[in-house]
């Protein structure tokens, strides 16, 4: 199992923005777009990619709960 990236509050805010922007792209373009959008921050890119993967599996209750908790933590 791969470790989850540790992000600052600012990085989580960036991750959320990148995530929502990536959702507007075709699935096959998302990962490359994320990598191009944050080439100097692999932890941020990994977090966004994981958020996208979780969104692709909406039946996974744990992931939805985590997303909800992160939104609440960010005050959104």
C-alpha atoms as a PDB file:
ATOM      1  CA  UNK A   1       0.000   0.000   0.000  1.00  0.00           C
ATOM      2  CA  UNK A   2       1.300   3.459  -0.927  1.00  0.00           C
ATOM      3  CA  UNK A   3       1.494   6.100   1.793  1.00  0.00           C
ATOM      4  CA  UNK A   4      -0.908   9.000   1.590  1.00  0.00           C
ATOM      5  CA  UNK A   5       0.681  12.359   0.849  1.00  0.00           C
ATOM      6  CA  UNK A   6       0.965  14.821   3.730  1.00  0.00           C
ATOM      7  CA  UNK A   7      -0.288  18.204   2.546  1.00  0.00           C
ATOM      8  CA  UNK A   8      -0.476  21.646   4.072  1.00  0.00           C
ATOM      9  CA  UNK A   9      -3.761  23.514   4.257  1.00  0.00           C
ATOM     10  CA  UNK A  10      -2.695  25.562   1.234  1.00  0.00           C
ATOM     11  CA  UNK A  11      -1.889  22.405  -0.731  1.00  0.00           C
ATOM     12  CA  UNK A  12      -5.290  20.907   0.146  1.00  0.00           C
ATOM     13  CA  UNK A  13      -6.943  24.057  -1.171  1.00  0.00           C
ATOM     14  CA  UNK A  14      -4.907  23.791  -4.369  1.00  0.00           C
ATOM     15  CA  UNK A  15      -5.780  20.094  -4.601  1.00  0.00           C
ATOM     16  CA  UNK A  16      -9.475  20.876  -4.364  1.00  0.00           C
ATOM     17  CA  UNK A  17      -9.241  23.500  -7.114  1.00  0.00           C
ATOM     18  CA  UNK A  18      -7.233  21.172  -9.360  1.00  0.00           C
ATOM     19  CA  UNK A  19      -9.638  18.308  -8.650  1.00  0.00           C
ATOM     20  CA  UNK A  20     -12.702  20.277  -9.685  1.00  0.00           C
ATOM     21  CA  UNK A  21     -10.985  21.564 -12.819  1.00  0.00           C
ATOM     22  CA  UNK A  22      -9.836  18.048 -13.748  1.00  0.00           C
ATOM     23  CA  UNK A  23     -13.387  16.732 -13.414  1.00  0.00           C
ATOM     24  CA  UNK A  24     -14.308  18.843 -16.455  1.00  0.00           C
ATOM     25  CA  UNK A  25     -11.733  16.990 -18.584  1.00  0.00           C
ATOM     26  CA  UNK A  26     -12.201  13.629 -20.277  1.00  0.00           C
ATOM     27  CA  UNK A  27     -11.074  10.836 -17.912  1.00  0.00           C
ATOM     28  CA  UNK A  28      -8.229   9.771 -20.193  1.00  0.00           C
ATOM     29  CA  UNK A  29      -6.690  13.287 -20.056  1.00  0.00           C
ATOM     30  CA  UNK A  30      -6.944  13.946 -16.331  1.00  0.00           C
ATOM     31  CA  UNK A  31      -3.768  12.327 -14.999  1.00  0.00           C
ATOM     32  CA  UNK A  32      -1.539  13.990 -17.614  1.00  0.00           C
ATOM     33  CA  UNK A  33      -3.205  17.350 -16.972  1.00  0.00           C
ATOM     34  CA  UNK A  34      -2.637  17.013 -13.209  1.00  0.00           C
ATOM     35  CA  UNK A  35       1.041  16.160 -13.770  1.00  0.00           C
ATOM     36  CA  UNK A  36       1.432  19.200 -16.041  1.00  0.00           C
ATOM     37  CA  UNK A  37      -0.401  21.452 -13.577  1.00  0.00           C
ATOM     38  CA  UNK A  38       1.896  20.779 -10.625  1.00  0.00           C
ATOM     39  CA  UNK A  39       5.223  19.432 -11.928  1.00  0.00           C
ATOM     40  CA  UNK A  40       7.207  20.681  -8.934  1.00  0.00           C
ATOM     41  CA  UNK A  41       4.863  19.200  -6.301  1.00  0.00           C
ATOM     42  CA  UNK A  42       4.468  15.422  -6.688  1.00  0.00           C
ATOM     43  CA  UNK A  43       2.613  15.130  -3.357  1.00  0.00           C
ATOM     44  CA  UNK A  44      -0.015  17.556  -4.583  1.00  0.00           C
ATOM     45  CA  UNK A  45      -0.327  15.717  -7.896  1.00  0.00           C
ATOM     46  CA  UNK A  46      -0.700  12.376  -6.098  1.00  0.00           C
ATOM     47  CA  UNK A  47      -3.407  13.779  -3.824  1.00  0.00           C
ATOM     48  CA  UNK A  48      -5.391  15.114  -6.789  1.00  0.00           C
ATOM     49  CA  UNK A  49      -5.047  11.842  -8.684  1.00  0.00           C
ATOM     50  CA  UNK A  50      -6.265   9.934  -5.627  1.00  0.00           C
ATOM     51  CA  UNK A  51      -9.217  12.298  -5.304  1.00  0.00           C
ATOM     52  CA  UNK A  52     -10.070  11.637  -8.954  1.00  0.00           C
ATOM     53  CA  UNK A  53      -9.747   7.873  -8.439  1.00  0.00           C
ATOM     54  CA  UNK A  54     -12.042   8.082  -5.426  1.00  0.00           C
ATOM     55  CA  UNK A  55     -14.558  10.050  -7.448  1.00  0.00           C
ATOM     56  CA  UNK A  56     -14.522   7.320 -10.104  1.00  0.00           C
ATOM     57  CA  UNK A  57     -15.626   4.828  -7.424  1.00  0.00           C
ATOM     58  CA  UNK A  58     -18.657   6.568  -5.901  1.00  0.00           C
ATOM     59  CA  UNK A  59     -19.830   3.374  -4.196  1.00  0.00           C
ATOM     60  CA  UNK A  60     -16.851   3.401  -1.863  1.00  0.00           C
ATOM     61  CA  UNK A  61     -18.371   4.746   1.348  1.00  0.00           C
ATOM     62  CA  UNK A  62     -15.055   5.235   3.124  1.00  0.00           C
ATOM     63  CA  UNK A  63     -13.664   7.442   0.392  1.00  0.00           C
ATOM     64  CA  UNK A  64     -16.827   9.512   0.290  1.00  0.00           C
ATOM     65  CA  UNK A  65     -16.619   9.949   4.050  1.00  0.00           C
ATOM     66  CA  UNK A  66     -12.997  11.080   3.790  1.00  0.00           C
ATOM     67  CA  UNK A  67     -13.849  13.579   1.029  1.00  0.00           C
ATOM     68  CA  UNK A  68     -16.673  14.917   3.164  1.00  0.00           C
ATOM     69  CA  UNK A  69     -14.394  15.250   6.195  1.00  0.00           C
ATOM     70  CA  UNK A  70     -11.748  17.092   4.145  1.00  0.00           C
ATOM     71  CA  UNK A  71     -14.394  19.501   2.806  1.00  0.00           C
ATOM     72  CA  UNK A  72     -15.633  20.119   6.323  1.00  0.00           C
ATOM     73  CA  UNK A  73     -12.075  20.612   7.567  1.00  0.00           C
ATOM     74  CA  UNK A  74     -11.496  23.163   4.803  1.00  0.00           C
ATOM     75  CA  UNK A  75     -14.752  24.896   5.699  1.00  0.00           C
ATOM     76  CA  UNK A  76     -16.471  24.249   2.355  1.00  0.00           C
END
